[in-house]
């Protein structure tokens, strides 16, 4: 794979890290006022956009839009699963594993040549 193939993947991983924190990080701070966590989430999400937009712009030179969206969803799922376990302390169950496996099968279909 060339840098043109890897760059969007790396940028999408970074963007999804920020977006996961923006969307779910506030759950660790339930005592904080809602307006404050909304503003903090917006600030974090801004960084996500600064990574996601170039990822898609660069990536569209070598991937279709459907492939980019599929990558983003799989990366989001992996990122969320890790965040859920390590930050929120929520265990993953066999139902999660089966659901994630079905999503992975769907993603494989998108990339099947």
PDB file of N, CA and C in Angstrom:
ATOM      1  N   UNK A   1       0.835  -1.189   0.000  1.00  0.00           N
ATOM      2  CA  UNK A   1       0.000   0.000   0.000  1.00  0.00           C
ATOM      3  C   UNK A   1       0.876   1.248   0.000  1.00  0.00           C
ATOM      4  N   UNK A   2       0.426   2.236  -0.700  1.00  0.00           N
ATOM      5  CA  UNK A   2       1.172   3.480  -0.832  1.00  0.00           C
ATOM      6  C   UNK A   2       0.768   4.454   0.279  1.00  0.00           C
ATOM      7  N   UNK A   3       1.553   5.540   0.439  1.00  0.00           N
ATOM      8  CA  UNK A   3       1.150   6.562   1.413  1.00  0.00           C
ATOM      9  C   UNK A   3      -0.253   7.111   1.140  1.00  0.00           C
ATOM     10  N   UNK A   4      -0.645   7.161  -0.123  1.00  0.00           N
ATOM     11  CA  UNK A   4      -1.991   7.644  -0.452  1.00  0.00           C
ATOM     12  C   UNK A   4      -3.059   6.714   0.115  1.00  0.00           C
ATOM     13  N   UNK A   5      -2.728   5.446   0.297  1.00  0.00           N
ATOM     14  CA  UNK A   5      -3.656   4.494   0.904  1.00  0.00           C
ATOM     15  C   UNK A   5      -3.636   4.590   2.430  1.00  0.00           C
ATOM     16  N   UNK A   6      -2.460   4.816   3.011  1.00  0.00           N
ATOM     17  CA  UNK A   6      -2.316   4.822   4.473  1.00  0.00           C
ATOM     18  C   UNK A   6      -2.722   6.141   5.114  1.00  0.00           C
ATOM     19  N   UNK A   7      -2.446   7.242   4.455  1.00  0.00           N
ATOM     20  CA  UNK A   7      -2.714   8.559   5.046  1.00  0.00           C
ATOM     21  C   UNK A   7      -4.162   8.724   5.491  1.00  0.00           C
ATOM     22  N   UNK A   8      -5.156   8.398   4.663  1.00  0.00           N
ATOM     23  CA  UNK A   8      -6.534   8.573   5.135  1.00  0.00           C
ATOM     24  C   UNK A   8      -6.874   7.662   6.314  1.00  0.00           C
ATOM     25  N   UNK A   9      -6.290   6.480   6.353  1.00  0.00           N
ATOM     26  CA  UNK A   9      -6.552   5.559   7.464  1.00  0.00           C
ATOM     27  C   UNK A   9      -6.012   6.140   8.763  1.00  0.00           C
ATOM     28  N   UNK A  10      -4.793   6.651   8.713  1.00  0.00           N
ATOM     29  CA  UNK A  10      -4.188   7.249   9.916  1.00  0.00           C
ATOM     30  C   UNK A  10      -4.987   8.471  10.367  1.00  0.00           C
ATOM     31  N   UNK A  11      -5.377   9.309   9.416  1.00  0.00           N
ATOM     32  CA  UNK A  11      -6.173  10.497   9.760  1.00  0.00           C
ATOM     33  C   UNK A  11      -7.545  10.111  10.317  1.00  0.00           C
ATOM     34  N   UNK A  12      -8.164   9.074   9.760  1.00  0.00           N
ATOM     35  CA  UNK A  12      -9.461   8.629  10.278  1.00  0.00           C
ATOM     36  C   UNK A  12      -9.338   8.047  11.684  1.00  0.00           C
ATOM     37  N   UNK A  13      -8.254   7.360  11.962  1.00  0.00           N
ATOM     38  CA  UNK A  13      -8.029   6.856  13.327  1.00  0.00           C
ATOM     39  C   UNK A  13      -7.929   8.031  14.286  1.00  0.00           C
ATOM     40  N   UNK A  14      -7.138   9.041  13.916  1.00  0.00           N
ATOM     41  CA  UNK A  14      -7.017  10.229  14.765  1.00  0.00           C
ATOM     42  C   UNK A  14      -8.342  10.947  14.937  1.00  0.00           C
ATOM     43  N   UNK A  15      -9.070  11.122  13.855  1.00  0.00           N
ATOM     44  CA  UNK A  15     -10.339  11.835  13.949  1.00  0.00           C
ATOM     45  C   UNK A  15     -11.332  11.081  14.811  1.00  0.00           C
ATOM     46  N   UNK A  16     -11.346   9.764  14.700  1.00  0.00           N
ATOM     47  CA  UNK A  16     -12.285   8.980  15.499  1.00  0.00           C
ATOM     48  C   UNK A  16     -11.914   8.957  16.969  1.00  0.00           C
ATOM     49  N   UNK A  17     -10.636   9.050  17.278  1.00  0.00           N
ATOM     50  CA  UNK A  17     -10.241   9.165  18.676  1.00  0.00           C
ATOM     51  C   UNK A  17     -10.838  10.435  19.278  1.00  0.00           C
ATOM     52  N   UNK A  18     -10.694  11.541  18.564  1.00  0.00           N
ATOM     53  CA  UNK A  18     -11.241  12.808  19.063  1.00  0.00           C
ATOM     54  C   UNK A  18     -12.767  12.773  19.126  1.00  0.00           C
ATOM     55  N   UNK A  19     -13.411  12.197  18.117  1.00  0.00           N
ATOM     56  CA  UNK A  19     -14.870  12.188  18.110  1.00  0.00           C
ATOM     57  C   UNK A  19     -15.425  11.295  19.213  1.00  0.00           C
ATOM     58  N   UNK A  20     -14.781  10.178  19.472  1.00  0.00           N
ATOM     59  CA  UNK A  20     -15.236   9.310  20.560  1.00  0.00           C
ATOM     60  C   UNK A  20     -15.141  10.040  21.895  1.00  0.00           C
ATOM     61  N   UNK A  21     -14.055  10.751  22.097  1.00  0.00           N
ATOM     62  CA  UNK A  21     -13.914  11.541  23.328  1.00  0.00           C
ATOM     63  C   UNK A  21     -14.970  12.639  23.378  1.00  0.00           C
ATOM     64  N   UNK A  22     -15.213  13.295  22.239  1.00  0.00           N
ATOM     65  CA  UNK A  22     -16.210  14.373  22.202  1.00  0.00           C
ATOM     66  C   UNK A  22     -17.608  13.846  22.519  1.00  0.00           C
ATOM     67  N   UNK A  23     -17.955  12.697  21.968  1.00  0.00           N
ATOM     68  CA  UNK A  23     -19.314  12.182  22.138  1.00  0.00           C
ATOM     69  C   UNK A  23     -19.532  11.479  23.468  1.00  0.00           C
ATOM     70  N   UNK A  24     -18.494  10.788  23.971  1.00  0.00           N
ATOM     71  CA  UNK A  24     -18.695   9.940  25.146  1.00  0.00           C
ATOM     72  C   UNK A  24     -17.835  10.291  26.349  1.00  0.00           C
ATOM     73  N   UNK A  25     -16.827  11.126  26.187  1.00  0.00           N
ATOM     74  CA  UNK A  25     -15.942  11.477  27.294  1.00  0.00           C
ATOM     75  C   UNK A  25     -16.661  12.153  28.446  1.00  0.00           C
ATOM     76  N   UNK A  26     -17.674  12.933  28.127  1.00  0.00           N
ATOM     77  CA  UNK A  26     -18.413  13.651  29.165  1.00  0.00           C
ATOM     78  C   UNK A  26     -19.154  12.715  30.117  1.00  0.00           C
ATOM     79  N   UNK A  27     -19.333  11.461  29.738  1.00  0.00           N
ATOM     80  CA  UNK A  27     -20.021  10.518  30.622  1.00  0.00           C
ATOM     81  C   UNK A  27     -19.220  10.242  31.896  1.00  0.00           C
ATOM     82  N   UNK A  28     -17.936  10.551  31.869  1.00  0.00           N
ATOM     83  CA  UNK A  28     -17.111  10.441  33.066  1.00  0.00           C
ATOM     84  C   UNK A  28     -17.264  11.661  33.974  1.00  0.00           C
ATOM     85  N   UNK A  29     -17.932  12.698  33.502  1.00  0.00           N
ATOM     86  CA  UNK A  29     -18.067  13.955  34.234  1.00  0.00           C
ATOM     87  C   UNK A  29     -19.532  14.354  34.358  1.00  0.00           C
ATOM     88  N   UNK A  30     -20.328  13.458  34.883  1.00  0.00           N
ATOM     89  CA  UNK A  30     -21.774  13.691  34.960  1.00  0.00           C
ATOM     90  C   UNK A  30     -22.152  14.847  35.879  1.00  0.00           C
ATOM     91  N   UNK A  31     -21.234  15.246  36.756  1.00  0.00           N
ATOM     92  CA  UNK A  31     -21.518  16.368  37.654  1.00  0.00           C
ATOM     93  C   UNK A  31     -21.307  17.725  36.971  1.00  0.00           C
ATOM     94  N   UNK A  32     -20.666  17.724  35.806  1.00  0.00           N
ATOM     95  CA  UNK A  32     -20.420  18.971  35.087  1.00  0.00           C
ATOM     96  C   UNK A  32     -21.706  19.454  34.420  1.00  0.00           C
ATOM     97  N   UNK A  33     -21.900  20.767  34.366  1.00  0.00           N
ATOM     98  CA  UNK A  33     -23.102  21.303  33.718  1.00  0.00           C
ATOM     99  C   UNK A  33     -23.168  20.901  32.244  1.00  0.00           C
ATOM    100  N   UNK A  34     -24.364  20.614  31.773  1.00  0.00           N
ATOM    101  CA  UNK A  34     -24.553  20.153  30.407  1.00  0.00           C
ATOM    102  C   UNK A  34     -24.012  21.154  29.389  1.00  0.00           C
ATOM    103  N   UNK A  35     -24.249  22.442  29.592  1.00  0.00           N
ATOM    104  CA  UNK A  35     -23.750  23.441  28.648  1.00  0.00           C
ATOM    105  C   UNK A  35     -22.223  23.385  28.549  1.00  0.00           C
ATOM    106  N   UNK A  36     -21.555  23.192  29.669  1.00  0.00           N
ATOM    107  CA  UNK A  36     -20.097  23.105  29.671  1.00  0.00           C
ATOM    108  C   UNK A  36     -19.619  21.900  28.870  1.00  0.00           C
ATOM    109  N   UNK A  37     -20.258  20.746  29.052  1.00  0.00           N
ATOM    110  CA  UNK A  37     -19.802  19.566  28.316  1.00  0.00           C
ATOM    111  C   UNK A  37     -20.152  19.680  26.822  1.00  0.00           C
ATOM    112  N   UNK A  38     -21.241  20.377  26.497  1.00  0.00           N
ATOM    113  CA  UNK A  38     -21.550  20.612  25.085  1.00  0.00           C
ATOM    114  C   UNK A  38     -20.465  21.466  24.446  1.00  0.00           C
ATOM    115  N   UNK A  39     -20.076  22.541  25.113  1.00  0.00           N
ATOM    116  CA  UNK A  39     -19.031  23.415  24.568  1.00  0.00           C
ATOM    117  C   UNK A  39     -17.690  22.698  24.463  1.00  0.00           C
ATOM    118  N   UNK A  40     -17.354  21.902  25.481  1.00  0.00           N
ATOM    119  CA  UNK A  40     -16.105  21.137  25.443  1.00  0.00           C
ATOM    120  C   UNK A  40     -16.146  20.115  24.310  1.00  0.00           C
ATOM    121  N   UNK A  41     -17.286  19.472  24.132  1.00  0.00           N
ATOM    122  CA  UNK A  41     -17.427  18.490  23.048  1.00  0.00           C
ATOM    123  C   UNK A  41     -17.284  19.158  21.684  1.00  0.00           C
ATOM    124  N   UNK A  42     -17.850  20.336  21.516  1.00  0.00           N
ATOM    125  CA  UNK A  42     -17.699  21.065  20.255  1.00  0.00           C
ATOM    126  C   UNK A  42     -16.234  21.378  19.975  1.00  0.00           C
ATOM    127  N   UNK A  43     -15.526  21.794  20.996  1.00  0.00           N
ATOM    128  CA  UNK A  43     -14.104  22.124  20.819  1.00  0.00           C
ATOM    129  C   UNK A  43     -13.303  20.882  20.409  1.00  0.00           C
ATOM    130  N   UNK A  44     -13.610  19.757  21.043  1.00  0.00           N
ATOM    131  CA  UNK A  44     -12.916  18.511  20.699  1.00  0.00           C
ATOM    132  C   UNK A  44     -13.310  18.065  19.290  1.00  0.00           C
ATOM    133  N   UNK A  45     -14.582  18.206  18.965  1.00  0.00           N
ATOM    134  CA  UNK A  45     -15.067  17.796  17.643  1.00  0.00           C
ATOM    135  C   UNK A  45     -14.442  18.633  16.527  1.00  0.00           C
ATOM    136  N   UNK A  46     -14.085  19.871  16.828  1.00  0.00           N
ATOM    137  CA  UNK A  46     -13.419  20.701  15.821  1.00  0.00           C
ATOM    138  C   UNK A  46     -12.128  20.040  15.351  1.00  0.00           C
ATOM    139  N   UNK A  47     -11.369  19.479  16.292  1.00  0.00           N
ATOM    140  CA  UNK A  47     -10.127  18.784  15.936  1.00  0.00           C
ATOM    141  C   UNK A  47     -10.464  17.566  15.079  1.00  0.00           C
ATOM    142  N   UNK A  48     -11.547  16.875  15.430  1.00  0.00           N
ATOM    143  CA  UNK A  48     -11.981  15.710  14.644  1.00  0.00           C
ATOM    144  C   UNK A  48     -12.224  16.111  13.199  1.00  0.00           C
ATOM    145  N   UNK A  49     -12.924  17.200  12.996  1.00  0.00           N
ATOM    146  CA  UNK A  49     -13.203  17.667  11.634  1.00  0.00           C
ATOM    147  C   UNK A  49     -11.922  18.039  10.903  1.00  0.00           C
ATOM    148  N   UNK A  50     -10.975  18.614  11.609  1.00  0.00           N
ATOM    149  CA  UNK A  50      -9.700  18.999  10.985  1.00  0.00           C
ATOM    150  C   UNK A  50      -8.916  17.781  10.501  1.00  0.00           C
ATOM    151  N   UNK A  51      -9.213  16.612  11.029  1.00  0.00           N
ATOM    152  CA  UNK A  51      -8.577  15.376  10.576  1.00  0.00           C
ATOM    153  C   UNK A  51      -9.456  14.614   9.578  1.00  0.00           C
ATOM    154  N   UNK A  52     -10.765  14.596   9.814  1.00  0.00           N
ATOM    155  CA  UNK A  52     -11.671  13.813   8.965  1.00  0.00           C
ATOM    156  C   UNK A  52     -11.807  14.390   7.560  1.00  0.00           C
ATOM    157  N   UNK A  53     -11.898  15.703   7.455  1.00  0.00           N
ATOM    158  CA  UNK A  53     -12.075  16.306   6.135  1.00  0.00           C
ATOM    159  C   UNK A  53     -10.870  16.028   5.235  1.00  0.00           C
ATOM    160  N   UNK A  54      -9.625  16.255   5.701  1.00  0.00           N
ATOM    161  CA  UNK A  54      -8.493  15.898   4.838  1.00  0.00           C
ATOM    162  C   UNK A  54      -8.400  14.393   4.579  1.00  0.00           C
ATOM    163  N   UNK A  55      -8.791  13.579   5.555  1.00  0.00           N
ATOM    164  CA  UNK A  55      -8.763  12.121   5.344  1.00  0.00           C
ATOM    165  C   UNK A  55      -9.636  11.742   4.162  1.00  0.00           C
ATOM    166  N   UNK A  56     -10.815  12.322   4.112  1.00  0.00           N
ATOM    167  CA  UNK A  56     -11.728  12.004   3.014  1.00  0.00           C
ATOM    168  C   UNK A  56     -11.291  12.645   1.705  1.00  0.00           C
ATOM    169  N   UNK A  57     -10.757  13.846   1.772  1.00  0.00           N
ATOM    170  CA  UNK A  57     -10.292  14.522   0.551  1.00  0.00           C
ATOM    171  C   UNK A  57      -9.116  13.755  -0.053  1.00  0.00           C
ATOM    172  N   UNK A  58      -8.145  13.415   0.778  1.00  0.00           N
ATOM    173  CA  UNK A  58      -6.962  12.671   0.311  1.00  0.00           C
ATOM    174  C   UNK A  58      -7.365  11.249  -0.084  1.00  0.00           C
ATOM    175  N   UNK A  59      -8.177  10.633   0.747  1.00  0.00           N
ATOM    176  CA  UNK A  59      -8.555   9.246   0.525  1.00  0.00           C
ATOM    177  C   UNK A  59      -9.379   9.019  -0.719  1.00  0.00           C
ATOM    178  N   UNK A  60     -10.141  10.027  -1.124  1.00  0.00           N
ATOM    179  CA  UNK A  60     -11.000   9.842  -2.292  1.00  0.00           C
ATOM    180  C   UNK A  60     -10.206   9.687  -3.581  1.00  0.00           C
ATOM    181  N   UNK A  61      -8.928   9.986  -3.539  1.00  0.00           N
ATOM    182  CA  UNK A  61      -8.072   9.765  -4.708  1.00  0.00           C
ATOM    183  C   UNK A  61      -7.824   8.267  -4.943  1.00  0.00           C
ATOM    184  N   UNK A  62      -7.920   7.459  -3.871  1.00  0.00           N
ATOM    185  CA  UNK A  62      -7.631   6.023  -4.004  1.00  0.00           C
ATOM    186  C   UNK A  62      -8.774   5.125  -3.522  1.00  0.00           C
ATOM    187  N   UNK A  63      -9.739   5.679  -2.810  1.00  0.00           N
ATOM    188  CA  UNK A  63     -10.875   4.910  -2.310  1.00  0.00           C
ATOM    189  C   UNK A  63     -12.171   5.564  -2.773  1.00  0.00           C
ATOM    190  N   UNK A  64     -13.205   4.758  -2.918  1.00  0.00           N
ATOM    191  CA  UNK A  64     -14.519   5.326  -3.214  1.00  0.00           C
ATOM    192  C   UNK A  64     -15.081   5.934  -1.932  1.00  0.00           C
ATOM    193  N   UNK A  65     -16.105   6.763  -2.083  1.00  0.00           N
ATOM    194  CA  UNK A  65     -16.750   7.352  -0.901  1.00  0.00           C
ATOM    195  C   UNK A  65     -17.322   6.258  -0.005  1.00  0.00           C
ATOM    196  N   UNK A  66     -17.879   5.209  -0.599  1.00  0.00           N
ATOM    197  CA  UNK A  66     -18.435   4.097   0.191  1.00  0.00           C
ATOM    198  C   UNK A  66     -17.336   3.377   0.965  1.00  0.00           C
ATOM    199  N   UNK A  67     -16.171   3.216   0.349  1.00  0.00           N
ATOM    200  CA  UNK A  67     -15.058   2.581   1.054  1.00  0.00           C
ATOM    201  C   UNK A  67     -14.569   3.452   2.204  1.00  0.00           C
ATOM    202  N   UNK A  68     -14.480   4.758   1.975  1.00  0.00           N
ATOM    203  CA  UNK A  68     -14.059   5.673   3.043  1.00  0.00           C
ATOM    204  C   UNK A  68     -15.045   5.637   4.206  1.00  0.00           C
ATOM    205  N   UNK A  69     -16.333   5.652   3.904  1.00  0.00           N
ATOM    206  CA  UNK A  69     -17.350   5.611   4.957  1.00  0.00           C
ATOM    207  C   UNK A  69     -17.284   4.291   5.718  1.00  0.00           C
ATOM    208  N   UNK A  70     -17.067   3.199   5.002  1.00  0.00           N
ATOM    209  CA  UNK A  70     -16.945   1.897   5.655  1.00  0.00           C
ATOM    210  C   UNK A  70     -15.742   1.867   6.580  1.00  0.00           C
ATOM    211  N   UNK A  71     -14.603   2.380   6.116  1.00  0.00           N
ATOM    212  CA  UNK A  71     -13.413   2.459   6.975  1.00  0.00           C
ATOM    213  C   UNK A  71     -13.709   3.266   8.227  1.00  0.00           C
ATOM    214  N   UNK A  72     -14.353   4.411   8.030  1.00  0.00           N
ATOM    215  CA  UNK A  72     -14.666   5.286   9.159  1.00  0.00           C
ATOM    216  C   UNK A  72     -15.553   4.567  10.166  1.00  0.00           C
ATOM    217  N   UNK A  73     -16.534   3.834   9.716  1.00  0.00           N
ATOM    218  CA  UNK A  73     -17.443   3.133  10.628  1.00  0.00           C
ATOM    219  C   UNK A  73     -16.737   2.020  11.384  1.00  0.00           C
ATOM    220  N   UNK A  74     -15.891   1.262  10.703  1.00  0.00           N
ATOM    221  CA  UNK A  74     -15.146   0.185  11.371  1.00  0.00           C
ATOM    222  C   UNK A  74     -14.175   0.769  12.393  1.00  0.00           C
ATOM    223  N   UNK A  75     -13.466   1.821  12.012  1.00  0.00           N
ATOM    224  CA  UNK A  75     -12.541   2.483  12.942  1.00  0.00           C
ATOM    225  C   UNK A  75     -13.316   3.021  14.138  1.00  0.00           C
ATOM    226  N   UNK A  76     -14.466   3.635  13.895  1.00  0.00           N
ATOM    227  CA  UNK A  76     -15.296   4.159  14.980  1.00  0.00           C
ATOM    228  C   UNK A  76     -15.705   3.054  15.933  1.00  0.00           C
ATOM    229  N   UNK A  77     -16.106   1.927  15.395  1.00  0.00           N
ATOM    230  CA  UNK A  77     -16.546   0.809  16.227  1.00  0.00           C
ATOM    231  C   UNK A  77     -15.409   0.284  17.098  1.00  0.00           C
ATOM    232  N   UNK A  78     -14.240   0.112  16.505  1.00  0.00           N
ATOM    233  CA  UNK A  78     -13.077  -0.363  17.267  1.00  0.00           C
ATOM    234  C   UNK A  78     -12.692   0.658  18.337  1.00  0.00           C
ATOM    235  N   UNK A  79     -12.671   1.917  17.953  1.00  0.00           N
ATOM    236  CA  UNK A  79     -12.320   2.986  18.893  1.00  0.00           C
ATOM    237  C   UNK A  79     -13.323   3.032  20.043  1.00  0.00           C
ATOM    238  N   UNK A  80     -14.613   2.969  19.712  1.00  0.00           N
ATOM    239  CA  UNK A  80     -15.648   3.009  20.740  1.00  0.00           C
ATOM    240  C   UNK A  80     -15.559   1.804  21.666  1.00  0.00           C
ATOM    241  N   UNK A  81     -15.312   0.629  21.115  1.00  0.00           N
ATOM    242  CA  UNK A  81     -15.212  -0.573  21.950  1.00  0.00           C
ATOM    243  C   UNK A  81     -14.090  -0.418  22.974  1.00  0.00           C
ATOM    244  N   UNK A  82     -12.939   0.045  22.521  1.00  0.00           N
ATOM    245  CA  UNK A  82     -11.821   0.264  23.446  1.00  0.00           C
ATOM    246  C   UNK A  82     -12.135   1.330  24.478  1.00  0.00           C
ATOM    247  N   UNK A  83     -12.713   2.421  24.049  1.00  0.00           N
ATOM    248  CA  UNK A  83     -13.085   3.509  24.959  1.00  0.00           C
ATOM    249  C   UNK A  83     -14.092   3.033  25.994  1.00  0.00           C
ATOM    250  N   UNK A  84     -15.066   2.270  25.534  1.00  0.00           N
ATOM    251  CA  UNK A  84     -16.107   1.761  26.411  1.00  0.00           C
ATOM    252  C   UNK A  84     -15.518   0.904  27.524  1.00  0.00           C
ATOM    253  N   UNK A  85     -14.564   0.054  27.155  1.00  0.00           N
ATOM    254  CA  UNK A  85     -13.954  -0.839  28.144  1.00  0.00           C
ATOM    255  C   UNK A  85     -12.962  -0.103  29.036  1.00  0.00           C
ATOM    256  N   UNK A  86     -12.010   0.622  28.421  1.00  0.00           N
ATOM    257  CA  UNK A  86     -10.903   1.177  29.193  1.00  0.00           C
ATOM    258  C   UNK A  86     -11.215   2.497  29.877  1.00  0.00           C
ATOM    259  N   UNK A  87     -12.089   3.295  29.325  1.00  0.00           N
ATOM    260  CA  UNK A  87     -12.388   4.593  29.936  1.00  0.00           C
ATOM    261  C   UNK A  87     -13.678   4.536  30.754  1.00  0.00           C
ATOM    262  N   UNK A  88     -14.727   3.965  30.163  1.00  0.00           N
ATOM    263  CA  UNK A  88     -16.015   3.938  30.856  1.00  0.00           C
ATOM    264  C   UNK A  88     -16.168   2.721  31.763  1.00  0.00           C
ATOM    265  N   UNK A  89     -15.294   1.742  31.598  1.00  0.00           N
ATOM    266  CA  UNK A  89     -15.352   0.550  32.443  1.00  0.00           C
ATOM    267  C   UNK A  89     -16.545  -0.346  32.161  1.00  0.00           C
ATOM    268  N   UNK A  90     -17.054  -0.293  30.939  1.00  0.00           N
ATOM    269  CA  UNK A  90     -18.203  -1.118  30.565  1.00  0.00           C
ATOM    270  C   UNK A  90     -17.710  -2.356  29.821  1.00  0.00           C
ATOM    271  N   UNK A  91     -18.080  -3.537  30.269  1.00  0.00           N
ATOM    272  CA  UNK A  91     -17.592  -4.751  29.605  1.00  0.00           C
ATOM    273  C   UNK A  91     -18.281  -4.991  28.265  1.00  0.00           C
ATOM    274  N   UNK A  92     -17.566  -5.661  27.378  1.00  0.00           N
ATOM    275  CA  UNK A  92     -18.158  -6.108  26.123  1.00  0.00           C
ATOM    276  C   UNK A  92     -18.630  -7.546  26.318  1.00  0.00           C
ATOM    277  N   UNK A  93     -19.774  -7.874  25.781  1.00  0.00           N
ATOM    278  CA  UNK A  93     -20.348  -9.200  25.964  1.00  0.00           C
ATOM    279  C   UNK A  93     -20.275  -9.994  24.663  1.00  0.00           C
ATOM    280  N   UNK A  94     -20.712 -11.235  24.726  1.00  0.00           N
ATOM    281  CA  UNK A  94     -20.734 -12.067  23.528  1.00  0.00           C
ATOM    282  C   UNK A  94     -21.670 -11.468  22.474  1.00  0.00           C
ATOM    283  N   UNK A  95     -22.727 -10.787  22.902  1.00  0.00           N
ATOM    284  CA  UNK A  95     -23.627 -10.140  21.939  1.00  0.00           C
ATOM    285  C   UNK A  95     -22.907  -9.032  21.180  1.00  0.00           C
ATOM    286  N   UNK A  96     -22.067  -8.283  21.893  1.00  0.00           N
ATOM    287  CA  UNK A  96     -21.268  -7.252  21.218  1.00  0.00           C
ATOM    288  C   UNK A  96     -20.343  -7.910  20.195  1.00  0.00           C
ATOM    289  N   UNK A  97     -19.684  -8.988  20.592  1.00  0.00           N
ATOM    290  CA  UNK A  97     -18.744  -9.674  19.696  1.00  0.00           C
ATOM    291  C   UNK A  97     -19.444 -10.152  18.427  1.00  0.00           C
ATOM    292  N   UNK A  98     -20.627 -10.723  18.576  1.00  0.00           N
ATOM    293  CA  UNK A  98     -21.362 -11.198  17.401  1.00  0.00           C
ATOM    294  C   UNK A  98     -21.777 -10.016  16.521  1.00  0.00           C
ATOM    295  N   UNK A  99     -22.300  -8.971  17.127  1.00  0.00           N
ATOM    296  CA  UNK A  99     -22.693  -7.788  16.367  1.00  0.00           C
ATOM    297  C   UNK A  99     -21.523  -7.165  15.643  1.00  0.00           C
ATOM    298  N   UNK A 100     -20.381  -7.038  16.325  1.00  0.00           N
ATOM    299  CA  UNK A 100     -19.196  -6.469  15.700  1.00  0.00           C
ATOM    300  C   UNK A 100     -18.717  -7.362  14.548  1.00  0.00           C
ATOM    301  N   UNK A 101     -18.797  -8.676  14.734  1.00  0.00           N
ATOM    302  CA  UNK A 101     -18.378  -9.605  13.677  1.00  0.00           C
ATOM    303  C   UNK A 101     -19.262  -9.446  12.441  1.00  0.00           C
ATOM    304  N   UNK A 102     -20.558  -9.281  12.646  1.00  0.00           N
ATOM    305  CA  UNK A 102     -21.461  -9.080  11.512  1.00  0.00           C
ATOM    306  C   UNK A 102     -21.153  -7.778  10.781  1.00  0.00           C
ATOM    307  N   UNK A 103     -20.818  -6.743  11.534  1.00  0.00           N
ATOM    308  CA  UNK A 103     -20.437  -5.480  10.904  1.00  0.00           C
ATOM    309  C   UNK A 103     -19.138  -5.657  10.109  1.00  0.00           C
ATOM    310  N   UNK A 104     -18.195  -6.413  10.677  1.00  0.00           N
ATOM    311  CA  UNK A 104     -16.931  -6.665   9.975  1.00  0.00           C
ATOM    312  C   UNK A 104     -17.173  -7.434   8.680  1.00  0.00           C
ATOM    313  N   UNK A 105     -18.107  -8.375   8.701  1.00  0.00           N
ATOM    314  CA  UNK A 105     -18.444  -9.109   7.478  1.00  0.00           C
ATOM    315  C   UNK A 105     -19.008  -8.142   6.437  1.00  0.00           C
ATOM    316  N   UNK A 106     -19.889  -7.246   6.875  1.00  0.00           N
ATOM    317  CA  UNK A 106     -20.427  -6.246   5.959  1.00  0.00           C
ATOM    318  C   UNK A 106     -19.338  -5.371   5.367  1.00  0.00           C
ATOM    319  N   UNK A 107     -18.378  -4.978   6.188  1.00  0.00           N
ATOM    320  CA  UNK A 107     -17.266  -4.155   5.695  1.00  0.00           C
ATOM    321  C   UNK A 107     -16.434  -4.935   4.689  1.00  0.00           C
ATOM    322  N   UNK A 108     -16.225  -6.211   4.943  1.00  0.00           N
ATOM    323  CA  UNK A 108     -15.448  -7.034   4.012  1.00  0.00           C
ATOM    324  C   UNK A 108     -16.134  -7.110   2.647  1.00  0.00           C
ATOM    325  N   UNK A 109     -17.456  -7.159   2.659  1.00  0.00           N
ATOM    326  CA  UNK A 109     -18.199  -7.196   1.399  1.00  0.00           C
ATOM    327  C   UNK A 109     -17.938  -5.916   0.584  1.00  0.00           C
ATOM    328  N   UNK A 110     -17.893  -4.771   1.264  1.00  0.00           N
ATOM    329  CA  UNK A 110     -17.629  -3.498   0.572  1.00  0.00           C
ATOM    330  C   UNK A 110     -16.281  -3.515  -0.132  1.00  0.00           C
ATOM    331  N   UNK A 111     -15.270  -4.123   0.514  1.00  0.00           N
ATOM    332  CA  UNK A 111     -13.907  -4.103  -0.034  1.00  0.00           C
ATOM    333  C   UNK A 111     -13.585  -5.302  -0.921  1.00  0.00           C
ATOM    334  N   UNK A 112     -14.495  -6.243  -1.026  1.00  0.00           N
ATOM    335  CA  UNK A 112     -14.249  -7.428  -1.850  1.00  0.00           C
ATOM    336  C   UNK A 112     -14.178  -7.029  -3.325  1.00  0.00           C
ATOM    337  N   UNK A 113     -13.119  -7.429  -3.971  1.00  0.00           N
ATOM    338  CA  UNK A 113     -12.919  -7.079  -5.401  1.00  0.00           C
ATOM    339  C   UNK A 113     -13.317  -8.238  -6.278  1.00  0.00           C
TER     340      UNK A 113
END
